[in-house]
Amino acid sequence: MLALIVMPLVELAVLIKLGQHIGAGTTILLVILTGIAGAYLAKYQGLKVLWEMRDLVARGILPGLKIVEGVLVLIGAILLLAPGLITDVVGFLFLLPVTRQFFVQLAMKFLEGYIRSGRFRIYKF
């Protein structure tokens, strides 16, 4: 809850400071351009991960890591929708394949630790 309050304030402060240094028009243009570039990259990377998952399933391989990649692409796209430069940077890091692999490994370590701790439960209905 605290992050939902603090993050927009930090974003606003960064945008104001950037606007003071490079100008308001340039800052607005930068936000618009990152949004457009992010939307294109999110669509391209999302479709790429989807096709890779379909290929793995067609070959009878469980696409575990690709599912995690797909979730990161989705989170990256959502972050790029939020106005601000910090969320844009994190969103781009989740969308670029090179940096996304780092976050996939980090997420897998987190999930493995969570499962090993015994706190992970699967409920059948």
N, C-alpha and C. Protein backbone atom coordinates (compact mmCIF):
# COMPACT_ATOMS: atom_id res chain seq x y z
N MET A 1 0.82 -1.18 0.00
CA MET A 1 0.00 0.00 0.00
C MET A 1 0.87 1.26 0.00
N LEU A 2 1.94 1.19 0.77
CA LEU A 2 2.85 2.33 0.84
C LEU A 2 3.48 2.62 -0.53
N ALA A 3 3.80 1.57 -1.27
CA ALA A 3 4.40 1.74 -2.60
C ALA A 3 3.43 2.45 -3.55
N LEU A 4 2.13 2.20 -3.41
CA LEU A 4 1.14 2.85 -4.27
C LEU A 4 1.05 4.35 -4.00
N ILE A 5 1.44 4.76 -2.82
CA ILE A 5 1.42 6.18 -2.48
C ILE A 5 2.77 6.83 -2.79
N VAL A 6 3.84 6.15 -2.44
CA VAL A 6 5.18 6.73 -2.57
C VAL A 6 5.64 6.76 -4.03
N MET A 7 5.39 5.70 -4.77
CA MET A 7 5.92 5.62 -6.15
C MET A 7 5.44 6.76 -7.05
N PRO A 8 4.15 7.09 -7.07
CA PRO A 8 3.76 8.23 -7.91
C PRO A 8 4.41 9.55 -7.49
N LEU A 9 4.63 9.72 -6.19
CA LEU A 9 5.28 10.94 -5.73
C LEU A 9 6.74 11.00 -6.19
N VAL A 10 7.42 9.86 -6.12
CA VAL A 10 8.81 9.80 -6.59
C VAL A 10 8.86 10.05 -8.10
N GLU A 11 7.94 9.44 -8.83
CA GLU A 11 7.88 9.64 -10.29
C GLU A 11 7.66 11.12 -10.61
N LEU A 12 6.74 11.73 -9.89
CA LEU A 12 6.45 13.14 -10.12
C LEU A 12 7.67 14.01 -9.83
N ALA A 13 8.38 13.71 -8.75
CA ALA A 13 9.58 14.47 -8.41
C ALA A 13 10.64 14.32 -9.50
N VAL A 14 10.81 13.10 -10.02
CA VAL A 14 11.80 12.87 -11.08
C VAL A 14 11.40 13.64 -12.34
N LEU A 15 10.12 13.60 -12.69
CA LEU A 15 9.67 14.32 -13.88
C LEU A 15 9.84 15.83 -13.72
N ILE A 16 9.58 16.36 -12.54
CA ILE A 16 9.77 17.79 -12.31
C ILE A 16 11.24 18.16 -12.43
N LYS A 17 12.11 17.38 -11.79
CA LYS A 17 13.56 17.66 -11.86
C LYS A 17 14.06 17.57 -13.30
N LEU A 18 13.63 16.54 -14.00
CA LEU A 18 14.04 16.38 -15.39
C LEU A 18 13.54 17.53 -16.24
N GLY A 19 12.30 17.95 -15.98
CA GLY A 19 11.74 19.09 -16.70
C GLY A 19 12.52 20.36 -16.45
N GLN A 20 13.03 20.53 -15.24
CA GLN A 20 13.85 21.70 -14.93
C GLN A 20 15.17 21.68 -15.68
N HIS A 21 15.71 20.48 -15.92
CA HIS A 21 17.02 20.37 -16.58
C HIS A 21 16.93 20.39 -18.11
N ILE A 22 15.95 19.69 -18.66
CA ILE A 22 15.89 19.61 -20.13
C ILE A 22 14.67 20.31 -20.72
N GLY A 23 13.81 20.82 -19.88
CA GLY A 23 12.63 21.53 -20.36
C GLY A 23 11.37 20.68 -20.28
N ALA A 24 10.26 21.34 -20.08
CA ALA A 24 8.99 20.62 -19.93
C ALA A 24 8.57 19.92 -21.22
N GLY A 25 8.72 20.62 -22.35
CA GLY A 25 8.34 20.02 -23.63
C GLY A 25 9.14 18.77 -23.95
N THR A 26 10.44 18.84 -23.71
CA THR A 26 11.31 17.69 -23.97
C THR A 26 10.97 16.53 -23.05
N THR A 27 10.67 16.85 -21.80
CA THR A 27 10.30 15.81 -20.84
C THR A 27 9.00 15.12 -21.26
N ILE A 28 8.02 15.91 -21.66
CA ILE A 28 6.75 15.33 -22.13
C ILE A 28 6.97 14.48 -23.37
N LEU A 29 7.78 14.97 -24.29
CA LEU A 29 8.10 14.21 -25.50
C LEU A 29 8.80 12.89 -25.15
N LEU A 30 9.71 12.94 -24.19
CA LEU A 30 10.42 11.74 -23.75
C LEU A 30 9.44 10.71 -23.18
N VAL A 31 8.50 11.16 -22.36
CA VAL A 31 7.51 10.24 -21.79
C VAL A 31 6.65 9.62 -22.89
N ILE A 32 6.25 10.45 -23.86
CA ILE A 32 5.43 9.94 -24.98
C ILE A 32 6.22 8.94 -25.81
N LEU A 33 7.48 9.25 -26.12
CA LEU A 33 8.30 8.35 -26.94
C LEU A 33 8.59 7.03 -26.22
N THR A 34 8.85 7.09 -24.92
CA THR A 34 9.07 5.84 -24.19
C THR A 34 7.80 5.00 -24.17
N GLY A 35 6.65 5.67 -24.11
CA GLY A 35 5.38 4.94 -24.15
C GLY A 35 5.16 4.24 -25.48
N ILE A 36 5.45 4.95 -26.57
CA ILE A 36 5.28 4.37 -27.91
C ILE A 36 6.27 3.23 -28.13
N ALA A 37 7.53 3.48 -27.80
CA ALA A 37 8.55 2.44 -27.96
C ALA A 37 8.25 1.24 -27.07
N GLY A 38 7.79 1.51 -25.85
CA GLY A 38 7.46 0.44 -24.93
C GLY A 38 6.29 -0.40 -25.41
N ALA A 39 5.28 0.24 -25.98
CA ALA A 39 4.13 -0.49 -26.49
C ALA A 39 4.55 -1.42 -27.63
N TYR A 40 5.38 -0.91 -28.53
CA TYR A 40 5.86 -1.74 -29.63
C TYR A 40 6.70 -2.91 -29.11
N LEU A 41 7.62 -2.62 -28.21
CA LEU A 41 8.49 -3.66 -27.66
C LEU A 41 7.68 -4.70 -26.88
N ALA A 42 6.69 -4.23 -26.11
CA ALA A 42 5.85 -5.16 -25.34
C ALA A 42 5.09 -6.10 -26.27
N LYS A 43 4.53 -5.55 -27.34
CA LYS A 43 3.79 -6.38 -28.29
C LYS A 43 4.72 -7.39 -28.96
N TYR A 44 5.87 -6.92 -29.41
CA TYR A 44 6.82 -7.81 -30.09
C TYR A 44 7.33 -8.90 -29.16
N GLN A 45 7.76 -8.53 -27.97
CA GLN A 45 8.31 -9.52 -27.03
C GLN A 45 7.22 -10.45 -26.51
N GLY A 46 6.02 -9.92 -26.29
CA GLY A 46 4.92 -10.77 -25.84
C GLY A 46 4.58 -11.84 -26.87
N LEU A 47 4.49 -11.43 -28.14
CA LEU A 47 4.21 -12.41 -29.20
C LEU A 47 5.35 -13.41 -29.36
N LYS A 48 6.58 -12.93 -29.21
CA LYS A 48 7.75 -13.82 -29.34
C LYS A 48 7.72 -14.89 -28.25
N VAL A 49 7.48 -14.48 -27.01
CA VAL A 49 7.42 -15.45 -25.91
C VAL A 49 6.24 -16.40 -26.11
N LEU A 50 5.11 -15.89 -26.58
CA LEU A 50 3.95 -16.74 -26.84
C LEU A 50 4.26 -17.80 -27.89
N TRP A 51 4.91 -17.39 -28.98
CA TRP A 51 5.27 -18.36 -30.03
C TRP A 51 6.27 -19.39 -29.50
N GLU A 52 7.22 -18.95 -28.68
CA GLU A 52 8.18 -19.89 -28.11
C GLU A 52 7.49 -20.88 -27.18
N MET A 53 6.50 -20.42 -26.41
CA MET A 53 5.74 -21.32 -25.54
C MET A 53 4.95 -22.32 -26.38
N ARG A 54 4.31 -21.85 -27.44
CA ARG A 54 3.55 -22.75 -28.31
C ARG A 54 4.45 -23.80 -28.93
N ASP A 55 5.67 -23.39 -29.32
CA ASP A 55 6.61 -24.33 -29.91
C ASP A 55 7.02 -25.40 -28.90
N LEU A 56 7.28 -24.98 -27.66
CA LEU A 56 7.66 -25.95 -26.63
C LEU A 56 6.52 -26.92 -26.34
N VAL A 57 5.30 -26.42 -26.24
CA VAL A 57 4.15 -27.28 -25.97
C VAL A 57 3.94 -28.24 -27.13
N ALA A 58 4.12 -27.78 -28.35
CA ALA A 58 3.95 -28.64 -29.52
C ALA A 58 4.97 -29.78 -29.52
N ARG A 59 6.15 -29.52 -28.94
CA ARG A 59 7.18 -30.56 -28.85
C ARG A 59 7.04 -31.40 -27.58
N GLY A 60 6.01 -31.11 -26.77
CA GLY A 60 5.77 -31.89 -25.57
C GLY A 60 6.62 -31.48 -24.38
N ILE A 61 7.13 -30.26 -24.40
CA ILE A 61 7.98 -29.76 -23.32
C ILE A 61 7.18 -28.74 -22.52
N LEU A 62 7.23 -28.87 -21.20
CA LEU A 62 6.54 -27.93 -20.32
C LEU A 62 7.25 -26.58 -20.37
N PRO A 63 6.56 -25.49 -20.70
CA PRO A 63 7.22 -24.20 -20.89
C PRO A 63 7.34 -23.38 -19.60
N GLY A 64 7.88 -23.96 -18.54
CA GLY A 64 7.96 -23.29 -17.24
C GLY A 64 8.65 -21.95 -17.27
N LEU A 65 9.88 -21.90 -17.80
CA LEU A 65 10.62 -20.63 -17.84
C LEU A 65 9.95 -19.62 -18.76
N LYS A 66 9.35 -20.09 -19.83
CA LYS A 66 8.67 -19.18 -20.76
C LYS A 66 7.43 -18.57 -20.12
N ILE A 67 6.79 -19.31 -19.22
CA ILE A 67 5.65 -18.74 -18.51
C ILE A 67 6.12 -17.60 -17.62
N VAL A 68 7.23 -17.80 -16.93
CA VAL A 68 7.79 -16.74 -16.09
C VAL A 68 8.18 -15.55 -16.97
N GLU A 69 8.78 -15.81 -18.13
CA GLU A 69 9.12 -14.73 -19.06
C GLU A 69 7.87 -13.98 -19.50
N GLY A 70 6.82 -14.71 -19.79
CA GLY A 70 5.57 -14.09 -20.21
C GLY A 70 4.99 -13.18 -19.12
N VAL A 71 5.07 -13.62 -17.88
CA VAL A 71 4.59 -12.80 -16.77
C VAL A 71 5.44 -11.53 -16.66
N LEU A 72 6.76 -11.66 -16.82
CA LEU A 72 7.63 -10.48 -16.75
C LEU A 72 7.35 -9.51 -17.90
N VAL A 73 7.08 -10.04 -19.08
CA VAL A 73 6.72 -9.17 -20.22
C VAL A 73 5.43 -8.43 -19.90
N LEU A 74 4.46 -9.13 -19.33
CA LEU A 74 3.19 -8.49 -18.96
C LEU A 74 3.41 -7.40 -17.91
N ILE A 75 4.21 -7.69 -16.89
CA ILE A 75 4.50 -6.69 -15.86
C ILE A 75 5.23 -5.51 -16.48
N GLY A 76 6.19 -5.79 -17.37
CA GLY A 76 6.91 -4.71 -18.05
C GLY A 76 5.99 -3.83 -18.86
N ALA A 77 5.04 -4.44 -19.55
CA ALA A 77 4.08 -3.65 -20.34
C ALA A 77 3.20 -2.80 -19.44
N ILE A 78 2.77 -3.34 -18.32
CA ILE A 78 1.95 -2.57 -17.37
C ILE A 78 2.75 -1.40 -16.81
N LEU A 79 4.01 -1.65 -16.48
CA LEU A 79 4.85 -0.56 -15.95
C LEU A 79 5.05 0.54 -16.98
N LEU A 80 5.13 0.18 -18.25
CA LEU A 80 5.29 1.19 -19.29
C LEU A 80 4.02 2.01 -19.49
N LEU A 81 2.88 1.48 -19.11
CA LEU A 81 1.63 2.23 -19.21
C LEU A 81 1.56 3.33 -18.15
N ALA A 82 2.22 3.11 -17.03
CA ALA A 82 2.23 4.11 -15.96
C ALA A 82 3.13 5.27 -16.38
N PRO A 83 2.64 6.49 -16.26
CA PRO A 83 3.50 7.61 -16.64
C PRO A 83 4.63 7.79 -15.64
N GLY A 84 5.81 7.98 -16.16
CA GLY A 84 6.98 8.18 -15.31
C GLY A 84 8.19 7.50 -15.89
N LEU A 85 9.35 7.96 -15.49
CA LEU A 85 10.59 7.43 -16.05
C LEU A 85 11.12 6.23 -15.29
N ILE A 86 10.91 6.18 -13.98
CA ILE A 86 11.41 5.04 -13.20
C ILE A 86 10.66 3.78 -13.61
N THR A 87 9.33 3.86 -13.69
CA THR A 87 8.56 2.69 -14.12
C THR A 87 8.90 2.31 -15.55
N ASP A 88 9.19 3.31 -16.40
CA ASP A 88 9.58 3.01 -17.78
C ASP A 88 10.90 2.25 -17.83
N VAL A 89 11.86 2.65 -17.02
CA VAL A 89 13.16 1.97 -17.01
C VAL A 89 12.99 0.52 -16.55
N VAL A 90 12.24 0.33 -15.46
CA VAL A 90 12.02 -1.04 -14.97
C VAL A 90 11.23 -1.85 -16.00
N GLY A 91 10.23 -1.23 -16.62
CA GLY A 91 9.45 -1.90 -17.66
C GLY A 91 10.33 -2.34 -18.82
N PHE A 92 11.21 -1.45 -19.28
CA PHE A 92 12.12 -1.81 -20.37
C PHE A 92 13.06 -2.94 -19.95
N LEU A 93 13.53 -2.93 -18.69
CA LEU A 93 14.40 -4.01 -18.22
C LEU A 93 13.68 -5.35 -18.25
N PHE A 94 12.37 -5.35 -17.97
CA PHE A 94 11.60 -6.59 -18.03
C PHE A 94 11.32 -7.01 -19.48
N LEU A 95 11.33 -6.07 -20.40
CA LEU A 95 11.00 -6.38 -21.80
C LEU A 95 12.22 -6.78 -22.63
N LEU A 96 13.37 -6.24 -22.34
CA LEU A 96 14.56 -6.56 -23.14
C LEU A 96 15.04 -7.97 -22.80
N PRO A 97 15.21 -8.83 -23.80
CA PRO A 97 15.56 -10.23 -23.55
C PRO A 97 16.82 -10.42 -22.70
N VAL A 98 17.81 -9.61 -22.91
CA VAL A 98 19.08 -9.77 -22.18
C VAL A 98 18.88 -9.54 -20.69
N THR A 99 18.22 -8.44 -20.33
CA THR A 99 18.02 -8.14 -18.91
C THR A 99 16.89 -8.98 -18.32
N ARG A 100 15.92 -9.35 -19.14
CA ARG A 100 14.81 -10.16 -18.64
C ARG A 100 15.31 -11.51 -18.12
N GLN A 101 16.34 -12.08 -18.72
CA GLN A 101 16.86 -13.37 -18.27
C GLN A 101 17.35 -13.30 -16.83
N PHE A 102 17.95 -12.16 -16.45
CA PHE A 102 18.38 -11.98 -15.06
C PHE A 102 17.18 -12.06 -14.13
N PHE A 103 16.11 -11.37 -14.50
CA PHE A 103 14.91 -11.35 -13.65
C PHE A 103 14.19 -12.70 -13.65
N VAL A 104 14.28 -13.44 -14.75
CA VAL A 104 13.70 -14.80 -14.78
C VAL A 104 14.43 -15.67 -13.77
N GLN A 105 15.76 -15.62 -13.77
CA GLN A 105 16.53 -16.42 -12.81
C GLN A 105 16.23 -16.00 -11.38
N LEU A 106 16.10 -14.70 -11.15
CA LEU A 106 15.77 -14.19 -9.82
C LEU A 106 14.39 -14.68 -9.38
N ALA A 107 13.42 -14.62 -10.28
CA ALA A 107 12.07 -15.08 -9.96
C ALA A 107 12.05 -16.58 -9.69
N MET A 108 12.83 -17.34 -10.47
CA MET A 108 12.87 -18.79 -10.27
C MET A 108 13.48 -19.13 -8.91
N LYS A 109 14.52 -18.41 -8.50
CA LYS A 109 15.12 -18.64 -7.17
C LYS A 109 14.11 -18.32 -6.08
N PHE A 110 13.38 -17.22 -6.26
CA PHE A 110 12.36 -16.85 -5.28
C PHE A 110 11.28 -17.92 -5.19
N LEU A 111 10.77 -18.36 -6.35
CA LEU A 111 9.72 -19.38 -6.37
C LEU A 111 10.20 -20.69 -5.76
N GLU A 112 11.44 -21.08 -6.09
CA GLU A 112 11.99 -22.32 -5.53
C GLU A 112 12.08 -22.23 -4.01
N GLY A 113 12.55 -21.11 -3.49
CA GLY A 113 12.63 -20.93 -2.04
C GLY A 113 11.25 -20.94 -1.40
N TYR A 114 10.29 -20.34 -2.08
CA TYR A 114 8.92 -20.30 -1.57
C TYR A 114 8.33 -21.71 -1.52
N ILE A 115 8.57 -22.49 -2.54
CA ILE A 115 8.05 -23.87 -2.58
C ILE A 115 8.74 -24.73 -1.54
N ARG A 116 10.07 -24.61 -1.43
CA ARG A 116 10.81 -25.41 -0.45
C ARG A 116 10.44 -25.07 0.99
N SER A 117 10.00 -23.85 1.25
CA SER A 117 9.65 -23.45 2.61
C SER A 117 8.37 -24.11 3.09
N GLY A 118 7.58 -24.65 2.18
CA GLY A 118 6.34 -25.30 2.54
C GLY A 118 5.15 -24.36 2.59
N ARG A 119 5.36 -23.09 2.27
CA ARG A 119 4.26 -22.12 2.28
C ARG A 119 3.43 -22.17 1.00
N PHE A 120 3.93 -22.85 0.00
CA PHE A 120 3.23 -22.94 -1.29
C PHE A 120 2.20 -24.04 -1.22
N ARG A 121 0.98 -23.73 -1.52
CA ARG A 121 -0.10 -24.71 -1.47
C ARG A 121 -0.85 -24.74 -2.78
N ILE A 122 -1.26 -25.94 -3.17
CA ILE A 122 -2.11 -26.10 -4.34
C ILE A 122 -3.43 -26.67 -3.87
N TYR A 123 -4.49 -25.97 -4.21
CA TYR A 123 -5.83 -26.40 -3.81
C TYR A 123 -6.57 -26.94 -5.02
N LYS A 124 -7.18 -28.09 -4.88
CA LYS A 124 -7.97 -28.68 -5.96
C LYS A 124 -9.45 -28.46 -5.64
N PHE A 125 -10.19 -28.09 -6.64
CA PHE A 125 -11.62 -27.85 -6.48
C PHE A 125 -12.39 -28.99 -7.07
